[in-house]
Amino acid sequence: MSSKSKPVLSSSIGKKLIMSLTGLFLCTFLVIHLIGNLQLFKSDEGYAFNNYAYFMTHFTPIKVVSYLLYASIIIHAIYAIVVTMNNKTARPIAYKQYDGQANSKWNSRNMGILGTIILVFLATHLQNFWWKYHNDQVPYVEYHKDLSTGTVTTHELQATDFTEYSVITENGVEVTKARDLYKQVDYAFQNIGLVALYVIAMAALAFHLIHGFGSAFQTIGFNHKKYVPIIRFLGVWIFGVIIPIAFAIMPLYFYFIK
């Protein structure tokens, strides 16, 4: 008698493992992305943020990581769909009596809905900022920074005056020409519908991560009782509360305050 076992990555556990690893990688990106986006709150007319945007899109190691990021989003979403479908196929007839609230938390039962909201948000986010930035559909700006005082002044550039990002120093003044993604962010977040979508998406992200972060560590076997409280704290308070709130504040800041 011979038996064949499924390859690890095609098994149910394997699929969940891939989801966990891609999910944790995306969590790491969230931290980095948040740190960079905090430049939006600086009172420098986007000088720091636009320089950050250029660095993130032109520094080779970062570009490589960005491709891994795109792949991780796609893989994570596909495997989430596959695992959900497999679970339904494995149990074609539902239990006669089932109390969802008694057996699991709301967010764990609705990860698919939460994930769908996040995917819609990502598509909108990429279209408004990533696509327009990479396809010259944003304004252009020239910054003059006095190196002795740190004072920054801005001058809007016409498309005919801009060829590529550049930084030169003349007579103690640093002159930077850049795509003005900051102004595009400011413009986009004057749309209350877009602001509402971002806030709703961040709420969905919060619930998604509160369950997903801890679940990912459990799947990869990192669930020693010594570390479970730390993982739970990070999942709930850092990824489930602080990071989503910080991202949600950004569109609200531009709509109501900026």
Protein backbone atom coordinates (compact mmCIF):
# COMPACT_ATOMS: atom_id res chain seq x y z
CA MET A 1 0.00 0.00 0.00
CA SER A 2 1.39 3.42 -0.86
CA SER A 3 0.25 6.82 0.15
CA LYS A 4 0.95 10.19 -1.26
CA SER A 5 0.95 13.34 0.76
CA LYS A 6 0.26 16.78 -0.58
CA PRO A 7 3.20 19.16 -0.98
CA VAL A 8 3.39 21.37 2.09
CA LEU A 9 2.59 24.63 0.29
CA SER A 10 -0.49 23.20 -1.41
CA SER A 11 -1.93 21.79 1.80
CA SER A 12 -4.35 23.71 3.99
CA ILE A 13 -1.61 24.43 6.53
CA GLY A 14 0.74 25.47 3.74
CA LYS A 15 -1.73 27.97 2.33
CA LYS A 16 -2.30 29.45 5.78
CA LEU A 17 1.47 29.62 6.27
CA ILE A 18 1.87 31.63 3.05
CA MET A 19 -0.94 33.94 4.14
CA SER A 20 0.75 34.42 7.51
CA LEU A 21 4.20 35.20 6.09
CA THR A 22 2.88 37.62 3.46
CA GLY A 23 0.64 39.22 6.07
CA LEU A 24 3.53 39.79 8.49
CA PHE A 25 5.61 41.24 5.65
CA LEU A 26 2.78 43.64 4.88
CA CYS A 27 2.64 44.60 8.57
CA THR A 28 6.33 45.50 8.41
CA PHE A 29 5.64 47.68 5.38
CA LEU A 30 2.80 49.43 7.24
CA VAL A 31 5.24 50.61 9.91
CA ILE A 32 7.72 51.94 7.34
CA HIS A 33 4.96 53.55 5.26
CA LEU A 34 3.52 55.26 8.33
CA ILE A 35 6.91 56.68 9.35
CA GLY A 36 7.38 58.11 5.86
CA ASN A 37 3.86 59.51 5.64
CA LEU A 38 4.26 61.34 8.93
CA GLN A 39 6.30 63.82 6.85
CA LEU A 40 2.91 65.09 5.65
CA PHE A 41 2.43 66.84 8.98
CA LYS A 42 5.59 68.95 8.67
CA SER A 43 5.03 72.65 8.05
CA ASP A 44 7.33 72.81 5.02
CA GLU A 45 4.86 72.73 2.10
CA GLY A 46 5.74 69.13 1.37
CA TYR A 47 9.54 69.53 1.15
CA ALA A 48 10.31 66.54 3.38
CA PHE A 49 7.46 64.41 2.02
CA ASN A 50 8.31 64.98 -1.65
CA ASN A 51 11.95 64.14 -1.02
CA TYR A 52 10.82 60.99 0.79
CA ALA A 53 8.54 60.08 -2.13
CA TYR A 54 11.40 60.42 -4.59
CA PHE A 55 13.71 58.30 -2.43
CA MET A 56 11.10 55.55 -2.02
CA THR A 57 10.52 55.33 -5.78
CA HIS A 58 14.11 55.58 -7.02
CA PHE A 59 16.40 53.90 -4.46
CA THR A 60 17.07 50.46 -5.99
CA PRO A 61 16.79 48.31 -2.82
CA ILE A 62 13.49 50.01 -1.97
CA LYS A 63 12.21 49.42 -5.51
CA VAL A 64 13.01 45.71 -5.18
CA VAL A 65 11.15 45.57 -1.87
CA SER A 66 8.20 47.39 -3.47
CA TYR A 67 7.87 44.63 -6.08
CA LEU A 68 7.87 42.09 -3.25
CA LEU A 69 5.18 44.19 -1.61
CA TYR A 70 2.93 44.13 -4.68
CA ALA A 71 3.45 40.38 -5.00
CA SER A 72 2.66 39.88 -1.31
CA ILE A 73 -0.62 41.79 -1.60
CA ILE A 74 -1.71 39.68 -4.58
CA ILE A 75 -0.59 36.38 -3.04
CA HIS A 76 -2.17 37.21 0.33
CA ALA A 77 -5.50 38.06 -1.31
CA ILE A 78 -5.52 35.01 -3.60
CA TYR A 79 -4.68 32.57 -0.82
CA ALA A 80 -7.30 34.16 1.44
CA ILE A 81 -9.92 33.47 -1.23
CA VAL A 82 -8.63 29.93 -1.79
CA VAL A 83 -8.60 29.08 1.93
CA THR A 84 -12.12 30.47 2.37
CA MET A 85 -13.43 28.46 -0.59
CA ASN A 86 -11.69 25.30 0.62
CA ASN A 87 -13.22 25.71 4.06
CA LYS A 88 -16.69 25.99 2.55
CA THR A 89 -16.07 23.00 0.27
CA ALA A 90 -14.87 20.89 3.18
CA ARG A 91 -18.13 21.64 4.99
CA PRO A 92 -20.84 21.87 2.29
CA ILE A 93 -23.64 21.46 4.81
CA ALA A 94 -23.63 23.90 7.68
CA TYR A 95 -24.18 22.78 11.25
CA LYS A 96 -27.86 22.83 12.21
CA GLN A 97 -27.11 24.87 15.29
CA TYR A 98 -24.34 27.39 15.19
CA ASP A 99 -23.86 30.45 17.31
CA GLY A 100 -21.08 32.47 15.67
CA GLN A 101 -20.80 34.90 18.55
CA ALA A 102 -20.28 32.07 20.98
CA ASN A 103 -17.59 30.36 18.91
CA SER A 104 -15.51 33.22 17.49
CA LYS A 105 -15.11 36.96 17.45
CA TRP A 106 -16.83 39.16 14.86
CA ASN A 107 -13.62 40.16 13.07
CA SER A 108 -12.39 36.57 12.77
CA ARG A 109 -15.70 35.57 11.14
CA ASN A 110 -15.61 38.50 8.71
CA MET A 111 -11.99 38.60 7.56
CA GLY A 112 -13.18 38.24 3.96
CA ILE A 113 -15.40 41.33 4.17
CA LEU A 114 -12.69 43.31 5.92
CA GLY A 115 -10.14 42.20 3.33
CA THR A 116 -12.43 43.22 0.48
CA ILE A 117 -12.82 46.73 1.92
CA ILE A 118 -9.04 46.97 2.23
CA LEU A 119 -8.56 45.82 -1.39
CA VAL A 120 -10.98 48.48 -2.64
CA PHE A 121 -9.08 51.04 -0.60
CA LEU A 122 -5.72 49.88 -2.00
CA ALA A 123 -6.94 50.13 -5.59
CA THR A 124 -8.24 53.66 -4.93
CA HIS A 125 -5.06 54.65 -3.08
CA LEU A 126 -2.75 53.41 -5.83
CA GLN A 127 -4.82 55.09 -8.53
CA ASN A 128 -4.84 58.45 -6.75
CA PHE A 129 -1.20 58.57 -5.75
CA TRP A 130 1.09 55.80 -7.06
CA TRP A 131 -0.28 55.83 -10.63
CA LYS A 132 -0.45 59.60 -10.94
CA TYR A 133 3.02 60.08 -9.44
CA HIS A 134 4.59 57.57 -11.84
CA ASN A 135 2.74 58.91 -14.87
CA ASP A 136 3.40 62.65 -14.46
CA GLN A 137 -0.16 63.45 -13.41
CA VAL A 138 0.83 65.49 -10.35
CA PRO A 139 1.97 69.12 -10.08
CA TYR A 140 5.63 70.15 -9.99
CA VAL A 141 7.38 72.28 -7.41
CA GLU A 142 10.69 74.03 -6.78
CA TYR A 143 11.97 74.45 -3.23
CA HIS A 144 14.55 76.99 -2.11
CA LYS A 145 16.06 76.05 1.24
CA ASP A 146 18.35 78.51 3.00
CA LEU A 147 21.01 76.23 4.46
CA SER A 148 21.97 78.74 7.13
CA THR A 149 18.46 79.19 8.55
CA GLY A 150 16.61 76.10 7.28
CA THR A 151 13.86 78.29 5.85
CA VAL A 152 12.06 76.73 2.89
CA THR A 153 10.18 78.66 0.21
CA THR A 154 8.26 77.13 -2.69
CA HIS A 155 7.56 78.00 -6.30
CA GLU A 156 5.09 76.08 -8.44
CA LEU A 157 6.61 74.85 -11.70
CA GLN A 158 4.94 74.42 -15.06
CA ALA A 159 5.35 71.08 -16.81
CA THR A 160 7.63 72.74 -19.37
CA ASP A 161 9.99 73.84 -16.58
CA PHE A 162 10.40 70.35 -15.14
CA THR A 163 12.49 67.55 -16.61
CA GLU A 164 13.48 65.40 -13.64
CA TYR A 165 14.10 65.51 -9.92
CA SER A 166 17.20 67.55 -9.16
CA VAL A 167 19.02 69.13 -6.22
CA ILE A 168 21.66 71.83 -6.63
CA THR A 169 23.25 74.26 -4.19
CA GLU A 170 24.01 77.87 -5.09
CA ASN A 171 25.21 80.58 -2.71
CA GLY A 172 24.09 78.73 0.39
CA VAL A 173 20.65 77.92 -1.04
CA GLU A 174 19.59 74.39 -1.88
CA VAL A 175 17.29 74.29 -4.91
CA THR A 176 15.16 71.17 -5.33
CA LYS A 177 12.87 70.43 -8.26
CA ALA A 178 10.40 67.58 -7.69
CA ARG A 179 7.03 66.11 -8.49
CA ASP A 180 4.63 67.59 -5.96
CA LEU A 181 2.91 64.52 -4.52
CA TYR A 182 2.20 66.55 -1.40
CA LYS A 183 -0.08 68.89 -3.35
CA GLN A 184 -1.80 65.88 -4.94
CA VAL A 185 -2.46 64.49 -1.45
CA ASP A 186 -3.85 67.87 -0.37
CA TYR A 187 -6.07 68.04 -3.46
CA ALA A 188 -7.32 64.44 -3.17
CA PHE A 189 -8.30 64.82 0.47
CA GLN A 190 -10.61 67.74 -0.24
CA ASN A 191 -13.04 65.06 -1.47
CA ILE A 192 -15.19 64.08 1.51
CA GLY A 193 -16.11 60.78 -0.15
CA LEU A 194 -12.45 59.81 -0.43
CA VAL A 195 -11.82 60.89 3.15
CA ALA A 196 -14.75 58.73 4.31
CA LEU A 197 -13.42 55.74 2.35
CA TYR A 198 -10.01 56.10 3.99
CA VAL A 199 -11.47 56.27 7.49
CA ILE A 200 -13.73 53.26 6.87
CA ALA A 201 -10.81 51.34 5.34
CA MET A 202 -8.63 52.07 8.35
CA ALA A 203 -11.38 50.79 10.64
CA ALA A 204 -11.50 47.61 8.53
CA LEU A 205 -7.70 47.38 8.68
CA ALA A 206 -7.81 47.69 12.46
CA PHE A 207 -10.25 44.78 12.88
CA HIS A 208 -8.38 42.76 10.23
CA LEU A 209 -5.05 43.16 12.03
CA ILE A 210 -6.36 42.61 15.54
CA HIS A 211 -7.24 39.08 14.49
CA GLY A 212 -4.72 38.51 11.69
CA PHE A 213 -1.52 39.58 13.48
CA GLY A 214 -1.87 37.13 16.34
CA SER A 215 -3.27 34.42 14.07
CA ALA A 216 -0.22 34.70 11.79
CA PHE A 217 2.20 34.06 14.64
CA GLN A 218 0.08 31.13 15.80
CA THR A 219 0.17 29.62 12.30
CA ILE A 220 3.96 29.79 12.04
CA GLY A 221 4.22 28.14 15.45
CA PHE A 222 5.42 31.19 17.37
CA ASN A 223 2.91 30.93 20.17
CA HIS A 224 4.94 30.23 23.31
CA LYS A 225 3.08 31.40 26.40
CA LYS A 226 6.03 33.66 27.24
CA TYR A 227 5.57 35.68 24.04
CA VAL A 228 1.78 35.50 23.54
CA PRO A 229 1.09 38.62 25.69
CA ILE A 230 3.67 40.61 23.69
CA ILE A 231 2.20 39.45 20.37
CA ARG A 232 -1.31 40.23 21.60
CA PHE A 233 -0.20 43.72 22.71
CA LEU A 234 1.46 44.46 19.36
CA GLY A 235 -1.49 43.08 17.41
CA VAL A 236 -4.15 44.98 19.33
CA TRP A 237 -2.55 48.26 20.38
CA ILE A 238 0.16 48.89 17.76
CA PHE A 239 -1.30 47.34 14.60
CA GLY A 240 -4.97 47.37 15.60
CA VAL A 241 -5.20 50.82 17.17
CA ILE A 242 -2.23 53.19 16.80
CA ILE A 243 -1.28 52.52 13.15
CA PRO A 244 -4.84 52.60 11.70
CA ILE A 245 -5.69 55.75 13.71
CA ALA A 246 -2.49 57.45 12.54
CA PHE A 247 -3.31 56.68 8.90
CA ALA A 248 -6.93 57.79 9.36
CA ILE A 249 -5.85 61.12 10.85
CA MET A 250 -4.01 62.07 7.63
CA PRO A 251 -7.07 62.60 5.35
CA LEU A 252 -8.96 64.18 8.24
CA TYR A 253 -6.08 66.60 8.79
CA PHE A 254 -6.04 67.72 5.17
CA TYR A 255 -9.83 68.03 4.94
CA PHE A 256 -10.55 69.81 8.22
CA ILE A 257 -7.30 71.55 9.24
CA LYS A 258 -4.80 72.03 6.40
